[in-house]
C-alpha cells in the first residue's frame, strides 16, 4: 500500500474518532439523574458523574430520626446515581456499541445503573418519629452517642 494513502486513511479514522468522542462528550454533558424517596420526602439530583447537584427535603422529613434521614438521603442519592448511570450507558452504547469498551464504562459507574438487577427499594416506613413538635423538642433524640 502506498504510504501516503495509508496515512490519509489513518488520518480520516482519527478525525472520525475525534468527532465521535466530541459528540459523546456533548451528550454526556446533558445527562443528569434524579430520584425521590418512596414517601416523597427526599428528592436528590446528580450530575453525569454522580455528584450531588440538588437536595430537596420536604416538611415530613423532619419526622425522621437523624440516622434514618441520613440513610434515606444516601439511598435516594444512590438511586439518582443509578438513574444517571443508565443514561450514561445509553449514551455510550450509541458511540461504542456493545463490547469491552461499554463493559469498562459500566464497571466504573459508582452505583451501577438501572436495570443491572441490583435495584432494591428501601423500606422508609420504619423509624418515623410520630411525636408532636412539642414532645420532640421536650425530649429530643440523642444525635451524638
Protein backbone atom coordinates (compact mmCIF):
# COMPACT_ATOMS: atom_id res chain seq x y z
CA UNK A 1 0.00 0.00 0.00
CA UNK A 2 1.17 3.49 -0.79
CA UNK A 3 2.36 5.21 2.46
CA UNK A 4 0.63 8.50 1.58
CA UNK A 5 -2.66 6.69 1.02
CA UNK A 6 -2.25 4.75 4.27
CA UNK A 7 -1.57 7.98 6.24
CA UNK A 8 -4.58 9.66 4.62
CA UNK A 9 -6.85 6.76 5.63
CA UNK A 10 -5.37 6.74 9.13
CA UNK A 11 -5.90 10.49 9.41
CA UNK A 12 -9.56 10.10 8.39
CA UNK A 13 -10.04 7.41 11.05
CA UNK A 14 -8.52 9.68 13.70
CA UNK A 15 -10.76 12.57 12.64
CA UNK A 16 -13.84 10.33 12.78
CA UNK A 17 -12.84 9.05 16.24
CA UNK A 18 -12.30 12.62 17.48
CA UNK A 19 -15.68 13.71 16.11
CA UNK A 20 -17.38 10.74 17.77
CA UNK A 21 -15.65 11.49 21.09
CA UNK A 22 -16.77 15.13 20.85
CA UNK A 23 -20.38 14.06 20.23
CA UNK A 24 -20.23 11.66 23.18
CA UNK A 25 -18.82 14.38 25.44
CA UNK A 26 -21.59 16.80 24.44
CA UNK A 27 -24.24 14.13 25.00
CA UNK A 28 -22.85 13.28 28.44
CA UNK A 29 -22.95 16.96 29.47
CA UNK A 30 -26.74 16.92 29.09
CA UNK A 31 -27.48 13.91 31.30
CA UNK A 32 -28.35 14.04 34.97
CA UNK A 33 -30.10 11.72 37.35
CA UNK A 34 -32.79 12.23 39.94
CA UNK A 35 -34.67 10.17 42.47
CA UNK A 36 -37.33 10.73 45.09
CA UNK A 37 -37.72 8.60 48.20
CA UNK A 38 -40.73 6.27 48.33
CA UNK A 39 -42.58 8.60 50.70
CA UNK A 40 -41.77 11.69 48.60
CA UNK A 41 -39.97 13.48 51.44
CA UNK A 42 -36.47 13.49 49.87
CA UNK A 43 -35.51 14.33 46.28
CA UNK A 44 -31.93 14.18 45.01
CA UNK A 45 -30.44 15.29 41.68
CA UNK A 46 -26.97 14.33 40.47
CA UNK A 47 -24.69 15.26 37.58
CA UNK A 48 -23.42 12.82 34.94
CA UNK A 49 -20.52 11.96 37.23
CA UNK A 50 -22.94 11.14 40.07
CA UNK A 51 -22.05 14.25 42.10
CA UNK A 52 -24.90 15.73 44.12
CA UNK A 53 -26.32 18.84 42.45
CA UNK A 54 -29.57 19.36 44.39
CA UNK A 55 -31.21 18.08 47.57
CA UNK A 56 -34.83 18.79 48.50
CA UNK A 57 -36.18 17.87 51.92
CA UNK A 58 -39.92 18.25 52.34
CA UNK A 59 -41.57 19.01 55.68
CA UNK A 60 -42.27 15.37 56.55
CA UNK A 61 -38.53 14.65 56.57
CA UNK A 62 -38.26 16.31 59.97
CA UNK A 63 -40.29 13.42 61.42
CA UNK A 64 -37.40 11.04 60.71
CA UNK A 65 -34.78 10.21 63.30
CA UNK A 66 -31.45 11.76 62.20
CA UNK A 67 -29.84 8.39 61.43
CA UNK A 68 -32.84 7.32 59.39
CA UNK A 69 -32.94 10.61 57.47
CA UNK A 70 -29.25 10.17 56.65
CA UNK A 71 -29.96 6.63 55.34
CA UNK A 72 -32.89 7.91 53.25
CA UNK A 73 -30.75 10.67 51.74
CA UNK A 74 -27.96 8.22 50.93
CA UNK A 75 -30.34 5.63 49.49
CA UNK A 76 -32.08 8.26 47.37
CA UNK A 77 -28.68 9.55 46.20
CA UNK A 78 -27.72 6.03 45.15
CA UNK A 79 -30.99 5.71 43.21
CA UNK A 80 -30.26 9.01 41.43
CA UNK A 81 -26.74 7.79 40.64
CA UNK A 82 -28.18 4.57 39.22
CA UNK A 83 -30.59 6.68 37.13
CA UNK A 84 -27.77 8.76 35.66
CA UNK A 85 -25.71 5.58 35.25
CA UNK A 86 -28.38 4.20 32.94
CA UNK A 87 -28.30 7.40 30.90
CA UNK A 88 -24.50 7.17 30.63
CA UNK A 89 -24.80 3.55 29.49
CA UNK A 90 -27.40 4.56 26.88
CA UNK A 91 -25.21 7.39 25.54
CA UNK A 92 -22.06 5.28 25.44
CA UNK A 93 -23.87 2.36 23.77
CA UNK A 94 -24.62 4.69 20.84
CA UNK A 95 -20.95 5.62 20.48
CA UNK A 96 -19.01 2.46 21.37
CA UNK A 97 -21.65 -0.26 20.94
CA UNK A 98 -21.78 -3.45 22.97
CA UNK A 99 -18.42 -4.86 23.92
CA UNK A 100 -15.35 -4.37 26.07
CA UNK A 101 -15.42 -0.57 25.95
CA UNK A 102 -19.03 -0.43 27.18
CA UNK A 103 -18.30 -3.00 29.89
CA UNK A 104 -15.39 -0.81 31.08
CA UNK A 105 -17.77 2.17 31.33
CA UNK A 106 -20.28 0.09 33.31
CA UNK A 107 -17.53 -1.07 35.67
CA UNK A 108 -16.69 2.49 36.71
CA UNK A 109 -20.24 3.62 37.48
CA UNK A 110 -20.17 4.11 41.27
CA UNK A 111 -23.64 2.68 41.95
CA UNK A 112 -24.19 0.69 38.78
CA UNK A 113 -27.10 1.50 36.51
CA UNK A 114 -30.84 0.93 36.44
CA UNK A 115 -31.62 -2.48 35.07
CA UNK A 116 -28.46 -4.26 36.21
CA UNK A 117 -30.51 -6.37 38.62
CA UNK A 118 -29.44 -4.58 41.81
CA UNK A 119 -32.47 -2.35 42.35
CA UNK A 120 -33.84 -2.88 45.87
CA UNK A 121 -36.06 -0.16 47.32
CA UNK A 122 -35.51 0.81 50.95
CA UNK A 123 -38.35 0.43 53.48
CA UNK A 124 -38.98 4.01 54.60
CA UNK A 125 -41.97 3.35 56.85
CA UNK A 126 -39.85 2.32 59.84
CA UNK A 127 -38.09 4.86 62.06
CA UNK A 128 -40.58 7.69 61.53
CA UNK A 129 -40.96 9.83 64.65
CA UNK A 130 -44.68 10.35 65.25
CA UNK A 131 -44.35 12.69 68.24
CA UNK A 132 -45.69 16.24 68.09
CA UNK A 133 -43.16 19.06 67.73
CA UNK A 134 -43.58 19.98 71.41
CA UNK A 135 -42.94 16.40 72.52
CA UNK A 136 -39.97 16.14 70.18
CA UNK A 137 -38.29 19.29 71.47
CA UNK A 138 -39.08 18.48 75.10
CA UNK A 139 -37.33 15.13 74.68
CA UNK A 140 -35.15 15.23 71.51
CA UNK A 141 -33.42 12.11 70.22
CA UNK A 142 -29.81 11.59 71.09
CA UNK A 143 -27.90 12.63 67.97
CA UNK A 144 -24.35 12.10 69.19
CA UNK A 145 -23.66 8.98 71.22
